[in-house]
Amino acid sequence: MAAARTRRGFLRHGALLAALAALGGCGFHPVYGRNPDGSVGPATRELANVTVSVIPGRPGMLLRQALQQRLEGDGSLTGAKYRLGVVFWINGEGIAIQPDDNTTRVRLIAHANWTLQTNTTEPKTIQTGSARDVDAFDILNQQYFAADLENEAVTKRMAEAIASQITLQLASWFDEHPDAARAAEQ
């Protein structure tokens, strides 16, 4: 029995390795991060040249921090070529309502619309997009402080998820448009 599981594990890992090798042969490359030769691709270079505008409110501050961590690269930003503006809001709704009208579970839906512009005296919009995330938390009976803590934790998780989506969208766009740097400088 154990030998059969081990064999299946080897077969599964072998199939995964074969699939990864096939991806390398068809032009697959990392969207952001370092290439196998140690160089950085156009997406990584350009992501490091994005500065994030202030996003109002506590959820906006969490999102801005998460975006800055993902975009700043190695921290050697000398002059940002791009400015990322984000409109971020979170809606909440009670989804578990007791017969006495008390809500015991809240669903939060985060929305973000973003705009990437050149960081020049006359900014030009280069790309726009949106991101969305859904999460929820429980409200324990008469535990309002715990509900506030849980709301803060969920808001932080949502900001992290939205930041990851925006970063991936930007990286994908920069990867598909390696000439974006020249357009931003004009």
C-alpha atoms as a PDB file:
ATOM      1  CA  MET A   1       0.000   0.000   0.000  1.00  0.00           C
ATOM      2  CA  ALA A   2       2.756   2.446   0.970  1.00  0.00           C
ATOM      3  CA  ALA A   3       4.778   1.479  -2.113  1.00  0.00           C
ATOM      4  CA  ALA A   4       1.784   2.261  -4.360  1.00  0.00           C
ATOM      5  CA  ARG A   5       1.420   5.716  -2.736  1.00  0.00           C
ATOM      6  CA  THR A   6       5.120   6.388  -3.184  1.00  0.00           C
ATOM      7  CA  ARG A   7       4.954   5.368  -6.854  1.00  0.00           C
ATOM      8  CA  ARG A   8       1.950   7.653  -7.426  1.00  0.00           C
ATOM      9  CA  GLY A   9       3.834  10.482  -5.713  1.00  0.00           C
ATOM     10  CA  PHE A  10       6.833   9.973  -8.007  1.00  0.00           C
ATOM     11  CA  LEU A  11       4.576   9.860 -11.065  1.00  0.00           C
ATOM     12  CA  ARG A  12       2.772  13.023  -9.983  1.00  0.00           C
ATOM     13  CA  HIS A  13       6.056  14.864  -9.342  1.00  0.00           C
ATOM     14  CA  GLY A  14       7.505  13.583 -12.619  1.00  0.00           C
ATOM     15  CA  ALA A  15       4.470  14.828 -14.545  1.00  0.00           C
ATOM     16  CA  LEU A  16       4.778  18.224 -12.852  1.00  0.00           C
ATOM     17  CA  LEU A  17       8.467  18.498 -13.734  1.00  0.00           C
ATOM     18  CA  ALA A  18       7.759  17.504 -17.341  1.00  0.00           C
ATOM     19  CA  ALA A  19       5.047  20.166 -17.585  1.00  0.00           C
ATOM     20  CA  LEU A  20       7.394  22.824 -16.189  1.00  0.00           C
ATOM     21  CA  ALA A  21      10.120  21.821 -18.645  1.00  0.00           C
ATOM     22  CA  ALA A  22       7.635  22.071 -21.521  1.00  0.00           C
ATOM     23  CA  LEU A  23       6.658  25.590 -20.398  1.00  0.00           C
ATOM     24  CA  GLY A  24      10.275  26.703 -20.570  1.00  0.00           C
ATOM     25  CA  GLY A  25      10.513  25.479 -24.153  1.00  0.00           C
ATOM     26  CA  CYS A  26       7.477  27.461 -25.294  1.00  0.00           C
ATOM     27  CA  GLY A  27       8.783  30.853 -24.150  1.00  0.00           C
ATOM     28  CA  PHE A  28       7.424  30.826 -20.597  1.00  0.00           C
ATOM     29  CA  HIS A  29       9.245  33.306 -18.380  1.00  0.00           C
ATOM     30  CA  PRO A  30       8.590  34.903 -14.987  1.00  0.00           C
ATOM     31  CA  VAL A  31       6.409  38.012 -15.248  1.00  0.00           C
ATOM     32  CA  TYR A  32       8.217  39.747 -12.431  1.00  0.00           C
ATOM     33  CA  GLY A  33      11.192  38.749 -10.388  1.00  0.00           C
ATOM     34  CA  ARG A  34      14.552  37.591 -11.676  1.00  0.00           C
ATOM     35  CA  ASN A  35      15.108  35.571 -14.820  1.00  0.00           C
ATOM     36  CA  PRO A  36      17.176  32.357 -14.585  1.00  0.00           C
ATOM     37  CA  ASP A  37      20.251  34.305 -15.778  1.00  0.00           C
ATOM     38  CA  GLY A  38      19.852  36.796 -12.888  1.00  0.00           C
ATOM     39  CA  SER A  39      18.623  39.698 -15.014  1.00  0.00           C
ATOM     40  CA  VAL A  40      15.342  41.456 -14.392  1.00  0.00           C
ATOM     41  CA  GLY A  41      12.672  41.682 -17.047  1.00  0.00           C
ATOM     42  CA  PRO A  42      10.881  44.807 -18.242  1.00  0.00           C
ATOM     43  CA  ALA A  43       8.003  44.277 -15.813  1.00  0.00           C
ATOM     44  CA  THR A  44      10.263  44.270 -12.743  1.00  0.00           C
ATOM     45  CA  ARG A  45      12.202  47.312 -13.972  1.00  0.00           C
ATOM     46  CA  GLU A  46       9.048  49.296 -14.644  1.00  0.00           C
ATOM     47  CA  LEU A  47       7.232  48.238 -11.453  1.00  0.00           C
ATOM     48  CA  ALA A  48      10.113  49.743  -9.486  1.00  0.00           C
ATOM     49  CA  ASN A  49       9.404  53.069 -11.243  1.00  0.00           C
ATOM     50  CA  VAL A  50       5.809  53.338  -9.988  1.00  0.00           C
ATOM     51  CA  THR A  51       4.935  55.627  -7.114  1.00  0.00           C
ATOM     52  CA  VAL A  52       1.595  55.173  -5.360  1.00  0.00           C
ATOM     53  CA  SER A  53      -0.589  58.205  -4.666  1.00  0.00           C
ATOM     54  CA  VAL A  54      -2.177  58.649  -1.248  1.00  0.00           C
ATOM     55  CA  ILE A  55      -5.366  56.593  -0.816  1.00  0.00           C
ATOM     56  CA  PRO A  56      -7.696  58.120   1.809  1.00  0.00           C
ATOM     57  CA  GLY A  57      -8.900  56.310   4.929  1.00  0.00           C
ATOM     58  CA  ARG A  58      -7.511  53.474   7.028  1.00  0.00           C
ATOM     59  CA  PRO A  59      -8.266  50.785   4.393  1.00  0.00           C
ATOM     60  CA  GLY A  60      -6.623  53.018   1.781  1.00  0.00           C
ATOM     61  CA  MET A  61      -3.518  53.393   3.932  1.00  0.00           C
ATOM     62  CA  LEU A  62      -3.270  49.598   4.272  1.00  0.00           C
ATOM     63  CA  LEU A  63      -3.645  49.175   0.507  1.00  0.00           C
ATOM     64  CA  ARG A  64      -1.038  51.853  -0.236  1.00  0.00           C
ATOM     65  CA  GLN A  65       1.467  50.209   2.115  1.00  0.00           C
ATOM     66  CA  ALA A  66       0.882  46.811   0.518  1.00  0.00           C
ATOM     67  CA  LEU A  67       1.322  48.283  -2.979  1.00  0.00           C
ATOM     68  CA  GLN A  68       4.502  50.112  -1.982  1.00  0.00           C
ATOM     69  CA  GLN A  69       5.994  46.891  -0.605  1.00  0.00           C
ATOM     70  CA  ARG A  70       5.302  45.104  -3.879  1.00  0.00           C
ATOM     71  CA  LEU A  71       6.321  47.880  -6.250  1.00  0.00           C
ATOM     72  CA  GLU A  72       9.387  49.507  -4.739  1.00  0.00           C
ATOM     73  CA  GLY A  73      11.701  46.658  -5.765  1.00  0.00           C
ATOM     74  CA  ASP A  74      15.093  46.973  -4.139  1.00  0.00           C
ATOM     75  CA  GLY A  75      14.324  50.480  -2.872  1.00  0.00           C
ATOM     76  CA  SER A  76      16.704  52.264  -5.258  1.00  0.00           C
ATOM     77  CA  LEU A  77      13.968  54.352  -6.908  1.00  0.00           C
ATOM     78  CA  THR A  78      15.589  57.565  -8.121  1.00  0.00           C
ATOM     79  CA  GLY A  79      12.808  59.159 -10.131  1.00  0.00           C
ATOM     80  CA  ALA A  80       9.419  57.578 -10.602  1.00  0.00           C
ATOM     81  CA  LYS A  81       8.220  57.475 -14.211  1.00  0.00           C
ATOM     82  CA  TYR A  82       4.676  56.475 -13.299  1.00  0.00           C
ATOM     83  CA  ARG A  83       2.039  57.430 -10.750  1.00  0.00           C
ATOM     84  CA  LEU A  84      -0.568  54.903  -9.641  1.00  0.00           C
ATOM     85  CA  GLY A  85      -3.856  56.363  -8.460  1.00  0.00           C
ATOM     86  CA  VAL A  86      -6.319  54.059  -6.719  1.00  0.00           C
ATOM     87  CA  VAL A  87      -9.924  54.581  -5.636  1.00  0.00           C
ATOM     88  CA  PHE A  88     -10.618  51.986  -2.937  1.00  0.00           C
ATOM     89  CA  TRP A  89     -13.782  51.251  -1.006  1.00  0.00           C
ATOM     90  CA  ILE A  90     -15.275  48.427   1.032  1.00  0.00           C
ATOM     91  CA  ASN A  91     -18.968  47.592   1.317  1.00  0.00           C
ATOM     92  CA  GLY A  92     -20.318  45.444   4.120  1.00  0.00           C
ATOM     93  CA  GLU A  93     -23.513  43.483   4.534  1.00  0.00           C
ATOM     94  CA  GLY A  94     -24.943  41.244   7.209  1.00  0.00           C
ATOM     95  CA  ILE A  95     -25.335  37.692   5.925  1.00  0.00           C
ATOM     96  CA  ALA A  96     -26.266  35.765   9.067  1.00  0.00           C
ATOM     97  CA  ILE A  97     -29.189  37.500  10.743  1.00  0.00           C
ATOM     98  CA  GLN A  98     -30.811  35.996  13.817  1.00  0.00           C
ATOM     99  CA  PRO A  99     -34.583  36.082  14.510  1.00  0.00           C
ATOM    100  CA  ASP A 100     -33.963  38.977  16.935  1.00  0.00           C
ATOM    101  CA  ASP A 101     -32.340  40.999  14.069  1.00  0.00           C
ATOM    102  CA  ASN A 102     -28.794  40.589  15.405  1.00  0.00           C
ATOM    103  CA  THR A 103     -26.179  40.047  12.722  1.00  0.00           C
ATOM    104  CA  THR A 104     -23.671  37.302  13.449  1.00  0.00           C
ATOM    105  CA  ARG A 105     -21.677  37.317  10.190  1.00  0.00           C
ATOM    106  CA  VAL A 106     -20.628  40.202   7.965  1.00  0.00           C
ATOM    107  CA  ARG A 107     -19.472  39.922   4.362  1.00  0.00           C
ATOM    108  CA  LEU A 108     -17.101  42.633   3.114  1.00  0.00           C
ATOM    109  CA  ILE A 109     -16.590  43.340  -0.572  1.00  0.00           C
ATOM    110  CA  ALA A 110     -13.560  45.438  -1.500  1.00  0.00           C
ATOM    111  CA  HIS A 111     -13.395  47.276  -4.812  1.00  0.00           C
ATOM    112  CA  ALA A 112     -10.466  49.146  -6.331  1.00  0.00           C
ATOM    113  CA  ASN A 113     -10.292  51.082  -9.576  1.00  0.00           C
ATOM    114  CA  TRP A 114      -6.764  52.048 -10.530  1.00  0.00           C
ATOM    115  CA  THR A 115      -5.167  54.330 -13.094  1.00  0.00           C
ATOM    116  CA  LEU A 116      -1.516  54.301 -14.156  1.00  0.00           C
ATOM    117  CA  GLN A 117      -0.305  57.660 -15.444  1.00  0.00           C
ATOM    118  CA  THR A 118       2.975  59.147 -16.489  1.00  0.00           C
ATOM    119  CA  ASN A 119       4.617  61.153 -13.724  1.00  0.00           C
ATOM    120  CA  THR A 120       5.097  64.289 -15.813  1.00  0.00           C
ATOM    121  CA  THR A 121       3.809  67.843 -15.675  1.00  0.00           C
ATOM    122  CA  GLU A 122       1.033  66.825 -18.049  1.00  0.00           C
ATOM    123  CA  PRO A 123       0.181  63.261 -16.962  1.00  0.00           C
ATOM    124  CA  LYS A 124      -1.024  60.825 -19.617  1.00  0.00           C
ATOM    125  CA  THR A 125      -3.136  57.830 -18.663  1.00  0.00           C
ATOM    126  CA  ILE A 126      -1.331  54.673 -19.752  1.00  0.00           C
ATOM    127  CA  GLN A 127      -3.516  51.905 -18.334  1.00  0.00           C
ATOM    128  CA  THR A 128      -6.552  51.427 -16.097  1.00  0.00           C
ATOM    129  CA  GLY A 129      -7.972  48.426 -14.313  1.00  0.00           C
ATOM    130  CA  SER A 130      -9.925  47.160 -11.363  1.00  0.00           C
ATOM    131  CA  ALA A 131      -9.654  44.589  -8.609  1.00  0.00           C
ATOM    132  CA  ARG A 132     -12.163  43.014  -6.263  1.00  0.00           C
ATOM    133  CA  ASP A 133     -12.020  40.800  -3.188  1.00  0.00           C
ATOM    134  CA  VAL A 134     -14.625  39.248  -0.881  1.00  0.00           C
ATOM    135  CA  ASP A 135     -14.120  38.194   2.733  1.00  0.00           C
ATOM    136  CA  ALA A 136     -16.236  37.798   5.864  1.00  0.00           C
ATOM    137  CA  PHE A 137     -16.018  37.644   9.616  1.00  0.00           C
ATOM    138  CA  ASP A 138     -18.174  36.503  12.529  1.00  0.00           C
ATOM    139  CA  ILE A 139     -19.567  38.767  15.212  1.00  0.00           C
ATOM    140  CA  LEU A 140     -19.629  36.950  18.517  1.00  0.00           C
ATOM    141  CA  ASN A 141     -22.463  37.725  20.918  1.00  0.00           C
ATOM    142  CA  GLN A 142     -21.754  41.001  22.736  1.00  0.00           C
ATOM    143  CA  GLN A 143     -18.062  40.916  21.759  1.00  0.00           C
ATOM    144  CA  TYR A 144     -17.771  44.287  20.011  1.00  0.00           C
ATOM    145  CA  PHE A 145     -14.044  44.704  20.655  1.00  0.00           C
ATOM    146  CA  ALA A 146     -13.384  41.291  19.098  1.00  0.00           C
ATOM    147  CA  ALA A 147     -15.532  42.273  16.107  1.00  0.00           C
ATOM    148  CA  ASP A 148     -13.472  45.453  15.646  1.00  0.00           C
ATOM    149  CA  LEU A 149     -10.237  43.454  15.748  1.00  0.00           C
ATOM    150  CA  GLU A 150     -11.608  40.926  13.275  1.00  0.00           C
ATOM    151  CA  ASN A 151     -12.803  43.728  10.980  1.00  0.00           C
ATOM    152  CA  GLU A 152      -9.301  45.223  11.021  1.00  0.00           C
ATOM    153  CA  ALA A 153      -7.719  41.835  10.237  1.00  0.00           C
ATOM    154  CA  VAL A 154     -10.136  41.229   7.350  1.00  0.00           C
ATOM    155  CA  THR A 155      -9.532  44.735   5.975  1.00  0.00           C
ATOM    156  CA  LYS A 156      -5.778  44.118   6.028  1.00  0.00           C
ATOM    157  CA  ARG A 157      -6.199  40.756   4.254  1.00  0.00           C
ATOM    158  CA  MET A 158      -8.385  42.386   1.623  1.00  0.00           C
ATOM    159  CA  ALA A 159      -5.889  45.210   1.079  1.00  0.00           C
ATOM    160  CA  GLU A 160      -3.133  42.614   0.600  1.00  0.00           C
ATOM    161  CA  ALA A 161      -5.266  40.656  -1.900  1.00  0.00           C
ATOM    162  CA  ILE A 162      -6.181  43.798  -3.857  1.00  0.00           C
ATOM    163  CA  ALA A 163      -2.516  44.889  -3.897  1.00  0.00           C
ATOM    164  CA  SER A 164      -1.497  41.493  -5.269  1.00  0.00           C
ATOM    165  CA  GLN A 165      -4.125  41.703  -8.009  1.00  0.00           C
ATOM    166  CA  ILE A 166      -3.098  45.225  -9.017  1.00  0.00           C
ATOM    167  CA  THR A 167       0.600  44.317  -9.002  1.00  0.00           C
ATOM    168  CA  LEU A 168      -0.026  41.277 -11.175  1.00  0.00           C
ATOM    169  CA  GLN A 169      -2.148  43.326 -13.601  1.00  0.00           C
ATOM    170  CA  LEU A 170       0.569  45.996 -13.834  1.00  0.00           C
ATOM    171  CA  ALA A 171       3.351  43.431 -14.240  1.00  0.00           C
ATOM    172  CA  SER A 172       1.430  41.652 -16.969  1.00  0.00           C
ATOM    173  CA  TRP A 173       0.820  44.927 -18.794  1.00  0.00           C
ATOM    174  CA  PHE A 174       4.481  45.998 -18.526  1.00  0.00           C
ATOM    175  CA  ASP A 175       5.552  42.550 -19.735  1.00  0.00           C
ATOM    176  CA  GLU A 176       3.299  42.869 -22.797  1.00  0.00           C
ATOM    177  CA  HIS A 177       4.409  46.482 -23.437  1.00  0.00           C
ATOM    178  CA  PRO A 178       8.196  46.587 -22.935  1.00  0.00           C
ATOM    179  CA  ASP A 179       8.312  49.908 -24.828  1.00  0.00           C
ATOM    180  CA  ALA A 180       6.208  51.614 -22.106  1.00  0.00           C
ATOM    181  CA  ALA A 181       9.321  53.222 -20.604  1.00  0.00           C
ATOM    182  CA  ARG A 182      10.016  55.163 -23.799  1.00  0.00           C
ATOM    183  CA  ALA A 183       6.400  56.311 -24.003  1.00  0.00           C
ATOM    184  CA  ALA A 184       6.485  57.496 -20.378  1.00  0.00           C
ATOM    185  CA  GLU A 185       9.597  59.603 -20.978  1.00  0.00           C
ATOM    186  CA  GLN A 186       8.089  61.454 -23.948  1.00  0.00           C
END
